[in-house]
């Protein structure tokens, strides 16, 4: 809980670093309760590749996302811990359900 609060404060203060680089989503389109999850996703997933890779994947199944994140977690330098998976998966589930919306792209 404390980590989520710290991430939310960082987002509010500086905005999402990935979005500021021109990669990722504007924090304004992400529901407040998922912004910390998005920042976690963005910080971990952008270590090895652009966010366009997971955001462009046409994955919609929770099981597929679980396998995808687990595979990425095993990559050296990913920084994805077992504790990170729930937050990353929450964001990806929301994104999969909402990516068709014009304001999310």
PDB file of N, CA and C in Angstrom:
ATOM      1  N   UNK A   1       0.821  -1.190   0.000  1.00  0.00           N
ATOM      2  CA  UNK A   1       0.000   0.000   0.000  1.00  0.00           C
ATOM      3  C   UNK A   1       0.869   1.259   0.000  1.00  0.00           C
ATOM      4  N   UNK A   2       1.902   1.224   0.828  1.00  0.00           N
ATOM      5  CA  UNK A   2       2.786   2.383   0.907  1.00  0.00           C
ATOM      6  C   UNK A   2       3.504   2.612  -0.417  1.00  0.00           C
ATOM      7  N   UNK A   3       3.911   1.513  -1.085  1.00  0.00           N
ATOM      8  CA  UNK A   3       4.571   1.636  -2.382  1.00  0.00           C
ATOM      9  C   UNK A   3       3.633   2.253  -3.411  1.00  0.00           C
ATOM     10  N   UNK A   4       2.361   1.835  -3.392  1.00  0.00           N
ATOM     11  CA  UNK A   4       1.382   2.378  -4.331  1.00  0.00           C
ATOM     12  C   UNK A   4       1.177   3.866  -4.098  1.00  0.00           C
ATOM     13  N   UNK A   5       1.139   4.271  -2.833  1.00  0.00           N
ATOM     14  CA  UNK A   5       0.982   5.684  -2.515  1.00  0.00           C
ATOM     15  C   UNK A   5       2.189   6.484  -2.992  1.00  0.00           C
ATOM     16  N   UNK A   6       3.380   5.947  -2.785  1.00  0.00           N
ATOM     17  CA  UNK A   6       4.589   6.633  -3.246  1.00  0.00           C
ATOM     18  C   UNK A   6       4.598   6.778  -4.768  1.00  0.00           C
ATOM     19  N   UNK A   7       4.199   5.711  -5.481  1.00  0.00           N
ATOM     20  CA  UNK A   7       4.138   5.786  -6.947  1.00  0.00           C
ATOM     21  C   UNK A   7       3.105   6.804  -7.405  1.00  0.00           C
ATOM     22  N   UNK A   8       1.957   6.835  -6.744  1.00  0.00           N
ATOM     23  CA  UNK A   8       0.909   7.791  -7.112  1.00  0.00           C
ATOM     24  C   UNK A   8       1.402   9.222  -6.919  1.00  0.00           C
ATOM     25  N   UNK A   9       2.124   9.459  -5.834  1.00  0.00           N
ATOM     26  CA  UNK A   9       2.671  10.799  -5.593  1.00  0.00           C
ATOM     27  C   UNK A   9       3.699  11.166  -6.657  1.00  0.00           C
ATOM     28  N   UNK A  10       4.532  10.215  -7.041  1.00  0.00           N
ATOM     29  CA  UNK A  10       5.537  10.469  -8.075  1.00  0.00           C
ATOM     30  C   UNK A  10       4.880  10.804  -9.408  1.00  0.00           C
ATOM     31  N   UNK A  11       3.814  10.095  -9.738  1.00  0.00           N
ATOM     32  CA  UNK A  11       3.093  10.364 -10.990  1.00  0.00           C
ATOM     33  C   UNK A  11       2.503  11.764 -10.956  1.00  0.00           C
ATOM     34  N   UNK A  12       1.884  12.096  -9.851  1.00  0.00           N
ATOM     35  CA  UNK A  12       1.258  13.416  -9.728  1.00  0.00           C
ATOM     36  C   UNK A  12       2.298  14.530  -9.832  1.00  0.00           C
ATOM     37  N   UNK A  13       3.465  14.299  -9.251  1.00  0.00           N
ATOM     38  CA  UNK A  13       4.496  15.330  -9.237  1.00  0.00           C
ATOM     39  C   UNK A  13       5.193  15.491 -10.578  1.00  0.00           C
ATOM     40  N   UNK A  14       5.447  14.386 -11.263  1.00  0.00           N
ATOM     41  CA  UNK A  14       6.260  14.474 -12.480  1.00  0.00           C
ATOM     42  C   UNK A  14       5.584  13.952 -13.726  1.00  0.00           C
ATOM     43  N   UNK A  15       4.471  13.283 -13.596  1.00  0.00           N
ATOM     44  CA  UNK A  15       3.847  12.642 -14.744  1.00  0.00           C
ATOM     45  C   UNK A  15       4.575  11.348 -15.053  1.00  0.00           C
ATOM     46  N   UNK A  16       4.029  10.557 -15.907  1.00  0.00           N
ATOM     47  CA  UNK A  16       4.646   9.273 -16.245  1.00  0.00           C
ATOM     48  C   UNK A  16       5.873   9.521 -17.110  1.00  0.00           C
ATOM     49  N   UNK A  17       7.022   8.997 -16.670  1.00  0.00           N
ATOM     50  CA  UNK A  17       8.271   9.206 -17.398  1.00  0.00           C
ATOM     51  C   UNK A  17       8.197   8.653 -18.813  1.00  0.00           C
ATOM     52  N   UNK A  18       7.547   7.498 -18.982  1.00  0.00           N
ATOM     53  CA  UNK A  18       7.435   6.905 -20.325  1.00  0.00           C
ATOM     54  C   UNK A  18       6.643   7.825 -21.238  1.00  0.00           C
ATOM     55  N   UNK A  19       5.569   8.413 -20.741  1.00  0.00           N
ATOM     56  CA  UNK A  19       4.769   9.319 -21.563  1.00  0.00           C
ATOM     57  C   UNK A  19       5.578  10.573 -21.899  1.00  0.00           C
ATOM     58  N   UNK A  20       6.346  11.060 -20.932  1.00  0.00           N
ATOM     59  CA  UNK A  20       7.165  12.243 -21.183  1.00  0.00           C
ATOM     60  C   UNK A  20       8.202  11.976 -22.272  1.00  0.00           C
ATOM     61  N   UNK A  21       8.642  10.709 -22.401  1.00  0.00           N
ATOM     62  CA  UNK A  21       9.594  10.345 -23.459  1.00  0.00           C
ATOM     63  C   UNK A  21       8.894  10.129 -24.794  1.00  0.00           C
ATOM     64  N   UNK A  22       7.558  10.195 -24.811  1.00  0.00           N
ATOM     65  CA  UNK A  22       6.822   9.941 -26.043  1.00  0.00           C
ATOM     66  C   UNK A  22       6.477   8.481 -26.224  1.00  0.00           C
ATOM     67  N   UNK A  23       6.597   7.707 -25.179  1.00  0.00           N
ATOM     68  CA  UNK A  23       6.325   6.272 -25.216  1.00  0.00           C
ATOM     69  C   UNK A  23       5.268   5.981 -24.159  1.00  0.00           C
ATOM     70  N   UNK A  24       4.257   5.240 -24.507  1.00  0.00           N
ATOM     71  CA  UNK A  24       3.259   4.879 -23.511  1.00  0.00           C
ATOM     72  C   UNK A  24       1.994   5.703 -23.623  1.00  0.00           C
ATOM     73  N   UNK A  25       1.231   5.697 -22.534  1.00  0.00           N
ATOM     74  CA  UNK A  25      -0.067   6.357 -22.489  1.00  0.00           C
ATOM     75  C   UNK A  25      -0.019   7.599 -21.614  1.00  0.00           C
ATOM     76  N   UNK A  26      -0.880   8.537 -21.910  1.00  0.00           N
ATOM     77  CA  UNK A  26      -1.027   9.702 -21.044  1.00  0.00           C
ATOM     78  C   UNK A  26      -1.666   9.246 -19.741  1.00  0.00           C
ATOM     79  N   UNK A  27      -1.095   9.627 -18.599  1.00  0.00           N
ATOM     80  CA  UNK A  27      -1.708   9.246 -17.325  1.00  0.00           C
ATOM     81  C   UNK A  27      -3.152   9.724 -17.190  1.00  0.00           C
ATOM     82  N   UNK A  28      -3.539  10.739 -17.955  1.00  0.00           N
ATOM     83  CA  UNK A  28      -4.902  11.272 -17.848  1.00  0.00           C
ATOM     84  C   UNK A  28      -5.970  10.293 -18.326  1.00  0.00           C
ATOM     85  N   UNK A  29      -5.595   9.290 -19.140  1.00  0.00           N
ATOM     86  CA  UNK A  29      -6.593   8.335 -19.636  1.00  0.00           C
ATOM     87  C   UNK A  29      -6.720   7.113 -18.738  1.00  0.00           C
ATOM     88  N   UNK A  30      -5.846   7.008 -17.766  1.00  0.00           N
ATOM     89  CA  UNK A  30      -5.822   5.835 -16.890  1.00  0.00           C
ATOM     90  C   UNK A  30      -6.593   6.158 -15.615  1.00  0.00           C
ATOM     91  N   UNK A  31      -7.495   5.286 -15.209  1.00  0.00           N
ATOM     92  CA  UNK A  31      -8.247   5.542 -13.973  1.00  0.00           C
ATOM     93  C   UNK A  31      -7.293   5.742 -12.791  1.00  0.00           C
ATOM     94  N   UNK A  32      -7.627   6.646 -11.897  1.00  0.00           N
ATOM     95  CA  UNK A  32      -6.745   6.937 -10.757  1.00  0.00           C
ATOM     96  C   UNK A  32      -6.315   5.693  -9.977  1.00  0.00           C
ATOM     97  N   UNK A  33      -7.217   4.740  -9.823  1.00  0.00           N
ATOM     98  CA  UNK A  33      -6.888   3.549  -9.043  1.00  0.00           C
ATOM     99  C   UNK A  33      -5.891   2.624  -9.759  1.00  0.00           C
ATOM    100  N   UNK A  34      -5.626   2.879 -11.048  1.00  0.00           N
ATOM    101  CA  UNK A  34      -4.677   2.061 -11.814  1.00  0.00           C
ATOM    102  C   UNK A  34      -3.403   2.810 -12.187  1.00  0.00           C
ATOM    103  N   UNK A  35      -3.300   4.070 -11.807  1.00  0.00           N
ATOM    104  CA  UNK A  35      -2.134   4.856 -12.217  1.00  0.00           C
ATOM    105  C   UNK A  35      -0.837   4.315 -11.631  1.00  0.00           C
ATOM    106  N   UNK A  36      -0.848   3.868 -10.386  1.00  0.00           N
ATOM    107  CA  UNK A  36       0.365   3.283  -9.807  1.00  0.00           C
ATOM    108  C   UNK A  36       0.723   1.981 -10.531  1.00  0.00           C
ATOM    109  N   UNK A  37      -0.294   1.204 -10.903  1.00  0.00           N
ATOM    110  CA  UNK A  37      -0.047  -0.031 -11.653  1.00  0.00           C
ATOM    111  C   UNK A  37       0.552   0.289 -13.020  1.00  0.00           C
ATOM    112  N   UNK A  38       0.050   1.350 -13.656  1.00  0.00           N
ATOM    113  CA  UNK A  38       0.584   1.741 -14.965  1.00  0.00           C
ATOM    114  C   UNK A  38       2.037   2.190 -14.837  1.00  0.00           C
ATOM    115  N   UNK A  39       2.339   2.983 -13.834  1.00  0.00           N
ATOM    116  CA  UNK A  39       3.710   3.455 -13.653  1.00  0.00           C
ATOM    117  C   UNK A  39       4.647   2.273 -13.398  1.00  0.00           C
ATOM    118  N   UNK A  40       4.184   1.298 -12.636  1.00  0.00           N
ATOM    119  CA  UNK A  40       4.974   0.087 -12.402  1.00  0.00           C
ATOM    120  C   UNK A  40       5.207  -0.652 -13.721  1.00  0.00           C
ATOM    121  N   UNK A  41       4.128  -0.846 -14.483  1.00  0.00           N
ATOM    122  CA  UNK A  41       4.228  -1.466 -15.815  1.00  0.00           C
ATOM    123  C   UNK A  41       5.228  -0.705 -16.678  1.00  0.00           C
ATOM    124  N   UNK A  42       5.078   0.608 -16.735  1.00  0.00           N
ATOM    125  CA  UNK A  42       5.932   1.418 -17.606  1.00  0.00           C
ATOM    126  C   UNK A  42       7.400   1.358 -17.167  1.00  0.00           C
ATOM    127  N   UNK A  43       7.645   1.418 -15.880  1.00  0.00           N
ATOM    128  CA  UNK A  43       9.036   1.423 -15.424  1.00  0.00           C
ATOM    129  C   UNK A  43       9.699   0.068 -15.605  1.00  0.00           C
ATOM    130  N   UNK A  44       8.966  -1.007 -15.391  1.00  0.00           N
ATOM    131  CA  UNK A  44       9.573  -2.337 -15.539  1.00  0.00           C
ATOM    132  C   UNK A  44       9.674  -2.743 -17.005  1.00  0.00           C
ATOM    133  N   UNK A  45       8.600  -2.569 -17.747  1.00  0.00           N
ATOM    134  CA  UNK A  45       8.558  -3.075 -19.122  1.00  0.00           C
ATOM    135  C   UNK A  45       9.420  -2.265 -20.078  1.00  0.00           C
ATOM    136  N   UNK A  46       9.678  -1.009 -19.750  1.00  0.00           N
ATOM    137  CA  UNK A  46      10.508  -0.193 -20.641  1.00  0.00           C
ATOM    138  C   UNK A  46      11.995  -0.403 -20.396  1.00  0.00           C
ATOM    139  N   UNK A  47      12.359  -1.219 -19.446  1.00  0.00           N
ATOM    140  CA  UNK A  47      13.775  -1.513 -19.216  1.00  0.00           C
ATOM    141  C   UNK A  47      14.377  -2.297 -20.371  1.00  0.00           C
ATOM    142  N   UNK A  48      13.561  -3.152 -20.996  1.00  0.00           N
ATOM    143  CA  UNK A  48      14.082  -4.038 -22.040  1.00  0.00           C
ATOM    144  C   UNK A  48      13.577  -3.699 -23.445  1.00  0.00           C
ATOM    145  N   UNK A  49      12.459  -3.005 -23.546  1.00  0.00           N
ATOM    146  CA  UNK A  49      11.883  -2.696 -24.858  1.00  0.00           C
ATOM    147  C   UNK A  49      10.946  -1.509 -24.719  1.00  0.00           C
ATOM    148  N   UNK A  50      10.528  -0.963 -25.843  1.00  0.00           N
ATOM    149  CA  UNK A  50       9.583   0.153 -25.800  1.00  0.00           C
ATOM    150  C   UNK A  50       8.229  -0.354 -25.305  1.00  0.00           C
ATOM    151  N   UNK A  51       7.432   0.555 -24.793  1.00  0.00           N
ATOM    152  CA  UNK A  51       6.103   0.171 -24.327  1.00  0.00           C
ATOM    153  C   UNK A  51       5.177  -0.169 -25.485  1.00  0.00           C
ATOM    154  N   UNK A  52       5.561   0.220 -26.691  1.00  0.00           N
ATOM    155  CA  UNK A  52       4.749  -0.123 -27.866  1.00  0.00           C
ATOM    156  C   UNK A  52       4.641  -1.640 -28.032  1.00  0.00           C
ATOM    157  N   UNK A  53       5.653  -2.359 -27.591  1.00  0.00           N
ATOM    158  CA  UNK A  53       5.625  -3.827 -27.739  1.00  0.00           C
ATOM    159  C   UNK A  53       4.466  -4.442 -26.951  1.00  0.00           C
ATOM    160  N   UNK A  54       4.373  -4.255 -25.635  1.00  0.00           N
ATOM    161  CA  UNK A  54       3.222  -4.841 -24.945  1.00  0.00           C
ATOM    162  C   UNK A  54       1.914  -4.129 -25.260  1.00  0.00           C
ATOM    163  N   UNK A  55       1.954  -2.808 -25.453  1.00  0.00           N
ATOM    164  CA  UNK A  55       0.714  -2.086 -25.737  1.00  0.00           C
ATOM    165  C   UNK A  55       0.167  -2.442 -27.114  1.00  0.00           C
ATOM    166  N   UNK A  56       1.026  -2.866 -28.019  1.00  0.00           N
ATOM    167  CA  UNK A  56       0.591  -3.246 -29.360  1.00  0.00           C
ATOM    168  C   UNK A  56       0.226  -4.712 -29.492  1.00  0.00           C
ATOM    169  N   UNK A  57       0.549  -5.487 -28.458  1.00  0.00           N
ATOM    170  CA  UNK A  57       0.223  -6.919 -28.500  1.00  0.00           C
ATOM    171  C   UNK A  57      -1.291  -7.083 -28.448  1.00  0.00           C
ATOM    172  N   UNK A  58      -1.818  -7.918 -29.276  1.00  0.00           N
ATOM    173  CA  UNK A  58      -3.269  -8.138 -29.312  1.00  0.00           C
ATOM    174  C   UNK A  58      -3.659  -9.284 -28.375  1.00  0.00           C
ATOM    175  N   UNK A  59      -3.185  -9.163 -27.153  1.00  0.00           N
ATOM    176  CA  UNK A  59      -3.491 -10.155 -26.130  1.00  0.00           C
ATOM    177  C   UNK A  59      -4.734  -9.687 -25.381  1.00  0.00           C
ATOM    178  N   UNK A  60      -5.668 -10.580 -25.177  1.00  0.00           N
ATOM    179  CA  UNK A  60      -6.858 -10.212 -24.408  1.00  0.00           C
ATOM    180  C   UNK A  60      -7.140 -11.170 -23.272  1.00  0.00           C
ATOM    181  N   UNK A  61      -6.490 -12.307 -23.283  1.00  0.00           N
ATOM    182  CA  UNK A  61      -6.714 -13.325 -22.261  1.00  0.00           C
ATOM    183  C   UNK A  61      -5.815 -13.081 -21.046  1.00  0.00           C
ATOM    184  N   UNK A  62      -6.399 -13.183 -19.857  1.00  0.00           N
ATOM    185  CA  UNK A  62      -5.629 -13.026 -18.623  1.00  0.00           C
ATOM    186  C   UNK A  62      -4.531 -14.085 -18.526  1.00  0.00           C
ATOM    187  N   UNK A  63      -4.822 -15.293 -18.965  1.00  0.00           N
ATOM    188  CA  UNK A  63      -3.829 -16.368 -18.919  1.00  0.00           C
ATOM    189  C   UNK A  63      -2.646 -16.062 -19.843  1.00  0.00           C
ATOM    190  N   UNK A  64      -2.934 -15.489 -21.010  1.00  0.00           N
ATOM    191  CA  UNK A  64      -1.862 -15.133 -21.943  1.00  0.00           C
ATOM    192  C   UNK A  64      -1.000 -14.026 -21.340  1.00  0.00           C
ATOM    193  N   UNK A  65      -1.634 -12.996 -20.746  1.00  0.00           N
ATOM    194  CA  UNK A  65      -0.863 -11.922 -20.110  1.00  0.00           C
ATOM    195  C   UNK A  65      -0.007 -12.485 -18.983  1.00  0.00           C
ATOM    196  N   UNK A  66      -0.563 -13.417 -18.196  1.00  0.00           N
ATOM    197  CA  UNK A  66       0.193 -14.027 -17.095  1.00  0.00           C
ATOM    198  C   UNK A  66       1.444 -14.710 -17.638  1.00  0.00           C
ATOM    199  N   UNK A  67       1.284 -15.479 -18.698  1.00  0.00           N
ATOM    200  CA  UNK A  67       2.424 -16.168 -19.307  1.00  0.00           C
ATOM    201  C   UNK A  67       3.436 -15.156 -19.862  1.00  0.00           C
ATOM    202  N   UNK A  68       2.941 -14.093 -20.489  1.00  0.00           N
ATOM    203  CA  UNK A  68       3.786 -13.053 -21.081  1.00  0.00           C
ATOM    204  C   UNK A  68       4.626 -12.381 -20.003  1.00  0.00           C
ATOM    205  N   UNK A  69       3.971 -11.957 -18.904  1.00  0.00           N
ATOM    206  CA  UNK A  69       4.675 -11.260 -17.828  1.00  0.00           C
ATOM    207  C   UNK A  69       5.653 -12.205 -17.130  1.00  0.00           C
ATOM    208  N   UNK A  70       5.257 -13.453 -16.935  1.00  0.00           N
ATOM    209  CA  UNK A  70       6.148 -14.436 -16.317  1.00  0.00           C
ATOM    210  C   UNK A  70       7.387 -14.644 -17.177  1.00  0.00           C
ATOM    211  N   UNK A  71       7.199 -14.725 -18.487  1.00  0.00           N
ATOM    212  CA  UNK A  71       8.336 -14.878 -19.397  1.00  0.00           C
ATOM    213  C   UNK A  71       9.256 -13.655 -19.323  1.00  0.00           C
ATOM    214  N   UNK A  72       8.668 -12.461 -19.291  1.00  0.00           N
ATOM    215  CA  UNK A  72       9.474 -11.246 -19.211  1.00  0.00           C
ATOM    216  C   UNK A  72      10.192 -11.156 -17.868  1.00  0.00           C
ATOM    217  N   UNK A  73       9.559 -11.648 -16.807  1.00  0.00           N
ATOM    218  CA  UNK A  73      10.170 -11.615 -15.481  1.00  0.00           C
ATOM    219  C   UNK A  73      11.479 -12.407 -15.464  1.00  0.00           C
ATOM    220  N   UNK A  74      11.542 -13.456 -16.236  1.00  0.00           N
ATOM    221  CA  UNK A  74      12.748 -14.297 -16.282  1.00  0.00           C
ATOM    222  C   UNK A  74      13.888 -13.668 -17.081  1.00  0.00           C
ATOM    223  N   UNK A  75      13.618 -12.585 -17.790  1.00  0.00           N
ATOM    224  CA  UNK A  75      14.663 -11.939 -18.578  1.00  0.00           C
ATOM    225  C   UNK A  75      15.631 -11.194 -17.653  1.00  0.00           C
ATOM    226  N   UNK A  76      16.923 -11.367 -17.861  1.00  0.00           N
ATOM    227  CA  UNK A  76      17.902 -10.657 -17.033  1.00  0.00           C
ATOM    228  C   UNK A  76      17.701  -9.144 -17.137  1.00  0.00           C
ATOM    229  N   UNK A  77      17.696  -8.496 -16.006  1.00  0.00           N
ATOM    230  CA  UNK A  77      17.582  -7.036 -15.990  1.00  0.00           C
ATOM    231  C   UNK A  77      16.171  -6.498 -16.046  1.00  0.00           C
ATOM    232  N   UNK A  78      15.157  -7.377 -16.102  1.00  0.00           N
ATOM    233  CA  UNK A  78      13.779  -6.880 -16.210  1.00  0.00           C
ATOM    234  C   UNK A  78      13.349  -6.151 -14.951  1.00  0.00           C
ATOM    235  N   UNK A  79      13.844  -6.591 -13.811  1.00  0.00           N
ATOM    236  CA  UNK A  79      13.449  -5.957 -12.557  1.00  0.00           C
ATOM    237  C   UNK A  79      12.037  -6.304 -12.117  1.00  0.00           C
ATOM    238  N   UNK A  80      11.374  -7.196 -12.827  1.00  0.00           N
ATOM    239  CA  UNK A  80      10.006  -7.580 -12.468  1.00  0.00           C
ATOM    240  C   UNK A  80      10.083  -8.633 -11.372  1.00  0.00           C
ATOM    241  N   UNK A  81       9.591  -8.283 -10.213  1.00  0.00           N
ATOM    242  CA  UNK A  81       9.579  -9.217  -9.089  1.00  0.00           C
ATOM    243  C   UNK A  81       8.222  -9.911  -9.024  1.00  0.00           C
ATOM    244  N   UNK A  82       8.122 -10.999  -8.285  1.00  0.00           N
ATOM    245  CA  UNK A  82       6.809 -11.639  -8.109  1.00  0.00           C
ATOM    246  C   UNK A  82       5.771 -10.673  -7.523  1.00  0.00           C
ATOM    247  N   UNK A  83       6.213  -9.755  -6.667  1.00  0.00           N
ATOM    248  CA  UNK A  83       5.290  -8.770  -6.083  1.00  0.00           C
ATOM    249  C   UNK A  83       4.801  -7.749  -7.107  1.00  0.00           C
ATOM    250  N   UNK A  84       5.545  -7.565  -8.203  1.00  0.00           N
ATOM    251  CA  UNK A  84       5.156  -6.617  -9.251  1.00  0.00           C
ATOM    252  C   UNK A  84       4.066  -7.171 -10.161  1.00  0.00           C
ATOM    253  N   UNK A  85       4.007  -8.484 -10.292  1.00  0.00           N
ATOM    254  CA  UNK A  85       3.089  -9.087 -11.257  1.00  0.00           C
ATOM    255  C   UNK A  85       1.630  -8.677 -11.080  1.00  0.00           C
ATOM    256  N   UNK A  86       1.066  -8.698  -9.873  1.00  0.00           N
ATOM    257  CA  UNK A  86      -0.363  -8.335  -9.763  1.00  0.00           C
ATOM    258  C   UNK A  86      -0.680  -6.939 -10.305  1.00  0.00           C
ATOM    259  N   UNK A  87       0.153  -5.960  -9.992  1.00  0.00           N
ATOM    260  CA  UNK A  87      -0.094  -4.603 -10.474  1.00  0.00           C
ATOM    261  C   UNK A  87       0.041  -4.499 -11.987  1.00  0.00           C
ATOM    262  N   UNK A  88       1.074  -5.126 -12.529  1.00  0.00           N
ATOM    263  CA  UNK A  88       1.268  -5.112 -13.981  1.00  0.00           C
ATOM    264  C   UNK A  88       0.092  -5.794 -14.669  1.00  0.00           C
ATOM    265  N   UNK A  89      -0.329  -6.919 -14.129  1.00  0.00           N
ATOM    266  CA  UNK A  89      -1.452  -7.655 -14.730  1.00  0.00           C
ATOM    267  C   UNK A  89      -2.771  -6.893 -14.597  1.00  0.00           C
ATOM    268  N   UNK A  90      -2.976  -6.178 -13.487  1.00  0.00           N
ATOM    269  CA  UNK A  90      -4.197  -5.348 -13.351  1.00  0.00           C
ATOM    270  C   UNK A  90      -4.241  -4.291 -14.447  1.00  0.00           C
ATOM    271  N   UNK A  91      -3.092  -3.602 -14.658  1.00  0.00           N
ATOM    272  CA  UNK A  91      -3.071  -2.598 -15.719  1.00  0.00           C
ATOM    273  C   UNK A  91      -3.319  -3.232 -17.076  1.00  0.00           C
ATOM    274  N   UNK A  92      -2.653  -4.344 -17.381  1.00  0.00           N
ATOM    275  CA  UNK A  92      -2.803  -4.977 -18.694  1.00  0.00           C
ATOM    276  C   UNK A  92      -4.227  -5.476 -18.923  1.00  0.00           C
ATOM    277  N   UNK A  93      -4.882  -5.958 -17.884  1.00  0.00           N
ATOM    278  CA  UNK A  93      -6.280  -6.388 -18.025  1.00  0.00           C
ATOM    279  C   UNK A  93      -7.161  -5.189 -18.366  1.00  0.00           C
ATOM    280  N   UNK A  94      -6.944  -4.065 -17.679  1.00  0.00           N
ATOM    281  CA  UNK A  94      -7.719  -2.853 -17.980  1.00  0.00           C
ATOM    282  C   UNK A  94      -7.430  -2.392 -19.406  1.00  0.00           C
ATOM    283  N   UNK A  95      -6.156  -2.358 -19.769  1.00  0.00           N
ATOM    284  CA  UNK A  95      -5.788  -1.890 -21.103  1.00  0.00           C
ATOM    285  C   UNK A  95      -6.397  -2.771 -22.187  1.00  0.00           C
ATOM    286  N   UNK A  96      -6.348  -4.080 -22.000  1.00  0.00           N
ATOM    287  CA  UNK A  96      -6.921  -5.005 -22.989  1.00  0.00           C
ATOM    288  C   UNK A  96      -8.405  -4.759 -23.187  1.00  0.00           C
ATOM    289  N   UNK A  97      -9.090  -4.442 -22.109  1.00  0.00           N
ATOM    290  CA  UNK A  97     -10.531  -4.213 -22.182  1.00  0.00           C
ATOM    291  C   UNK A  97     -10.877  -2.831 -22.736  1.00  0.00           C
ATOM    292  N   UNK A  98      -9.929  -1.898 -22.714  1.00  0.00           N
ATOM    293  CA  UNK A  98     -10.231  -0.507 -23.083  1.00  0.00           C
ATOM    294  C   UNK A  98      -9.425   0.050 -24.238  1.00  0.00           C
ATOM    295  N   UNK A  99      -8.502  -0.719 -24.823  1.00  0.00           N
ATOM    296  CA  UNK A  99      -7.625  -0.157 -25.847  1.00  0.00           C
ATOM    297  C   UNK A  99      -8.357   0.279 -27.111  1.00  0.00           C
ATOM    298  N   UNK A 100      -9.560  -0.240 -27.316  1.00  0.00           N
ATOM    299  CA  UNK A 100     -10.326   0.141 -28.505  1.00  0.00           C
ATOM    300  C   UNK A 100     -10.871   1.576 -28.387  1.00  0.00           C
ATOM    301  N   UNK A 101     -10.928   2.114 -27.191  1.00  0.00           N
ATOM    302  CA  UNK A 101     -11.451   3.476 -26.992  1.00  0.00           C
ATOM    303  C   UNK A 101     -10.513   4.498 -27.610  1.00  0.00           C
ATOM    304  N   UNK A 102     -11.067   5.460 -28.285  1.00  0.00           N
ATOM    305  CA  UNK A 102     -10.279   6.493 -28.964  1.00  0.00           C
ATOM    306  C   UNK A 102      -9.400   7.265 -27.982  1.00  0.00           C
ATOM    307  N   UNK A 103      -9.894   7.543 -26.781  1.00  0.00           N
ATOM    308  CA  UNK A 103      -9.132   8.347 -25.837  1.00  0.00           C
ATOM    309  C   UNK A 103      -7.992   7.582 -25.162  1.00  0.00           C
ATOM    310  N   UNK A 104      -7.932   6.269 -25.325  1.00  0.00           N
ATOM    311  CA  UNK A 104      -6.889   5.465 -24.697  1.00  0.00           C
ATOM    312  C   UNK A 104      -5.678   5.336 -25.613  1.00  0.00           C
ATOM    313  N   UNK A 105      -5.872   5.405 -26.883  1.00  0.00           N
ATOM    314  CA  UNK A 105      -4.749   5.222 -27.831  1.00  0.00           C
ATOM    315  C   UNK A 105      -3.807   6.351 -27.863  1.00  0.00           C
TER     316      UNK A 105
END
